[in-house]
Amino acid sequence: VQLVESGGGLVQAGDSLRLSCAASGLPFSNFAMGWFRRAPGKEREFVAAISRLGVYTYYADSVKGRFTISRDDAKNPVYLQMNSLKPEDTAVYYCAASGKTGSQIINEYDYWGQGTQVTVSS
């Protein structure tokens, strides 16, 4: 199983980025998907999750209204559209796959990508 994130970069506050996560080696449509992030000196934290078939989505309060998670089961990837970025969004962003319903609980995720760096300057 391999999850590969892309789309990170250096942007200014207020800009947008779209992260992508391509999964291989697993029946993608059978897995809930999540995005997490780890800022320097902090623990990994939940950002957003989407259930199988995209029926439900969940967001951390800190990104609600600014970030949107989506999935395309036909093409495989899961996306994280990030708008109105803030310096506090600076972190390494990780994609993860869960055989359960998809939630903010890190331990429910079975597979993880290597992460992509997002840096937001003020």
Protein backbone atom coordinates (compact mmCIF):
# COMPACT_ATOMS: atom_id res chain seq x y z
CA VAL A 1 0.00 0.00 0.00
CA GLN A 2 1.29 3.42 -0.88
CA LEU A 3 -0.14 6.88 -0.28
CA VAL A 4 1.61 9.77 -2.00
CA GLU A 5 0.80 13.37 -1.21
CA SER A 6 1.51 16.29 -3.53
CA GLY A 7 0.65 19.95 -3.92
CA GLY A 8 2.42 21.45 -0.93
CA GLY A 9 4.53 24.57 -1.17
CA LEU A 10 5.30 28.04 0.09
CA VAL A 11 2.47 30.57 -0.12
CA GLN A 12 1.45 33.84 1.46
CA ALA A 13 -1.30 34.33 3.99
CA GLY A 14 -4.66 34.43 2.26
CA ASP A 15 -3.56 32.25 -0.64
CA SER A 16 -4.94 28.84 -1.59
CA LEU A 17 -3.43 25.42 -2.18
CA ARG A 18 -4.87 22.09 -3.20
CA LEU A 19 -3.25 18.95 -1.84
CA SER A 20 -3.70 15.62 -3.56
CA CYS A 21 -3.20 12.09 -2.29
CA ALA A 22 -2.88 9.18 -4.67
CA ALA A 23 -3.38 5.71 -3.22
CA SER A 24 -2.22 2.42 -4.66
CA GLY A 25 -2.32 -1.17 -3.49
CA LEU A 26 -5.66 -0.93 -1.73
CA PRO A 27 -9.34 -0.91 -2.74
CA PHE A 28 -9.58 2.85 -2.49
CA SER A 29 -13.36 3.09 -2.53
CA ASN A 30 -13.54 0.82 0.54
CA PHE A 31 -11.52 3.18 2.70
CA ALA A 32 -12.34 6.37 4.48
CA MET A 33 -9.64 8.99 3.97
CA GLY A 34 -8.24 11.65 6.21
CA TRP A 35 -5.80 14.53 6.28
CA PHE A 36 -3.68 15.27 9.31
CA ARG A 37 -0.88 17.73 9.92
CA ARG A 38 2.10 18.21 12.18
CA ALA A 39 3.38 21.68 12.88
CA PRO A 40 6.93 22.20 14.17
CA GLY A 41 7.15 21.21 17.81
CA LYS A 42 3.58 19.95 17.95
CA GLU A 43 1.77 16.64 17.85
CA ARG A 44 0.11 15.36 14.71
CA GLU A 45 -3.45 16.67 14.57
CA PHE A 46 -6.60 15.93 12.66
CA VAL A 47 -7.53 18.25 9.79
CA ALA A 48 -10.33 16.62 7.78
CA ALA A 49 -11.85 13.25 6.91
CA ILE A 50 -14.20 11.88 4.31
CA SER A 51 -16.17 8.65 4.51
CA ARG A 52 -16.40 5.96 1.90
CA LEU A 53 -18.33 7.23 -1.12
CA GLY A 54 -17.90 10.76 0.22
CA VAL A 55 -21.19 10.65 2.11
CA TYR A 56 -19.83 12.37 5.23
CA THR A 57 -17.09 14.90 5.81
CA TYR A 58 -15.56 16.08 9.07
CA TYR A 59 -13.34 19.03 9.84
CA ALA A 60 -11.25 20.35 12.68
CA ASP A 61 -12.71 23.56 14.06
CA SER A 62 -9.54 25.41 13.08
CA VAL A 63 -10.08 24.75 9.36
CA LYS A 64 -13.86 24.60 9.10
CA GLY A 65 -15.11 26.96 6.42
CA ARG A 66 -11.66 27.30 4.84
CA PHE A 67 -10.68 23.73 3.89
CA THR A 68 -12.65 21.24 1.83
CA ILE A 69 -11.93 17.53 1.55
CA SER A 70 -13.17 15.59 -1.46
CA ARG A 71 -12.54 12.32 -3.22
CA ASP A 72 -12.78 10.98 -6.73
CA ASP A 73 -13.22 7.22 -6.51
CA ALA A 74 -13.06 6.88 -10.27
CA LYS A 75 -9.61 8.45 -10.49
CA ASN A 76 -8.46 7.45 -7.02
CA PRO A 77 -7.18 10.62 -5.36
CA VAL A 78 -8.42 12.46 -2.34
CA TYR A 79 -8.05 16.22 -2.26
CA LEU A 80 -7.73 18.91 0.35
CA GLN A 81 -8.61 22.35 -0.95
CA MET A 82 -7.16 24.93 1.41
CA ASN A 83 -8.34 28.53 1.12
CA SER A 84 -7.59 31.63 3.16
CA LEU A 85 -4.40 30.07 4.45
CA LYS A 86 -2.91 31.38 7.67
CA PRO A 87 0.63 31.19 9.04
CA GLU A 88 -0.66 28.79 11.71
CA ASP A 89 -1.56 26.34 8.92
CA THR A 90 2.15 25.80 8.34
CA ALA A 91 2.84 22.09 8.82
CA VAL A 92 3.61 18.82 7.14
CA TYR A 93 0.32 17.46 5.83
CA TYR A 94 -0.31 13.72 5.80
CA CYS A 95 -2.86 11.67 3.95
CA ALA A 96 -4.20 8.54 5.66
CA ALA A 97 -6.56 5.67 4.88
CA SER A 98 -8.92 4.03 7.35
CA GLY A 99 -10.80 0.77 7.07
CA LYS A 100 -13.28 2.15 9.58
CA THR A 101 -15.76 4.97 9.15
CA GLY A 102 -13.27 7.81 9.03
CA SER A 103 -12.84 10.10 12.01
CA GLN A 104 -10.42 12.37 13.81
CA ILE A 105 -8.91 9.46 15.73
CA ILE A 106 -5.37 8.88 14.53
CA ASN A 107 -5.26 5.26 15.64
CA GLU A 108 -8.17 4.35 13.36
CA TYR A 109 -6.03 4.98 10.29
CA ASP A 110 -4.22 2.00 8.83
CA TYR A 111 -2.01 3.55 6.18
CA TRP A 112 -0.12 6.83 5.98
CA GLY A 113 1.72 8.84 3.36
CA GLN A 114 5.09 10.50 3.84
CA GLY A 115 3.68 13.99 3.98
CA THR A 116 3.96 17.22 2.04
CA GLN A 117 5.19 20.51 3.45
CA VAL A 118 2.92 23.53 3.49
CA THR A 119 4.45 26.82 4.55
CA VAL A 120 2.37 29.98 4.88
CA SER A 121 4.23 33.25 5.27
CA SER A 122 2.68 36.32 6.85
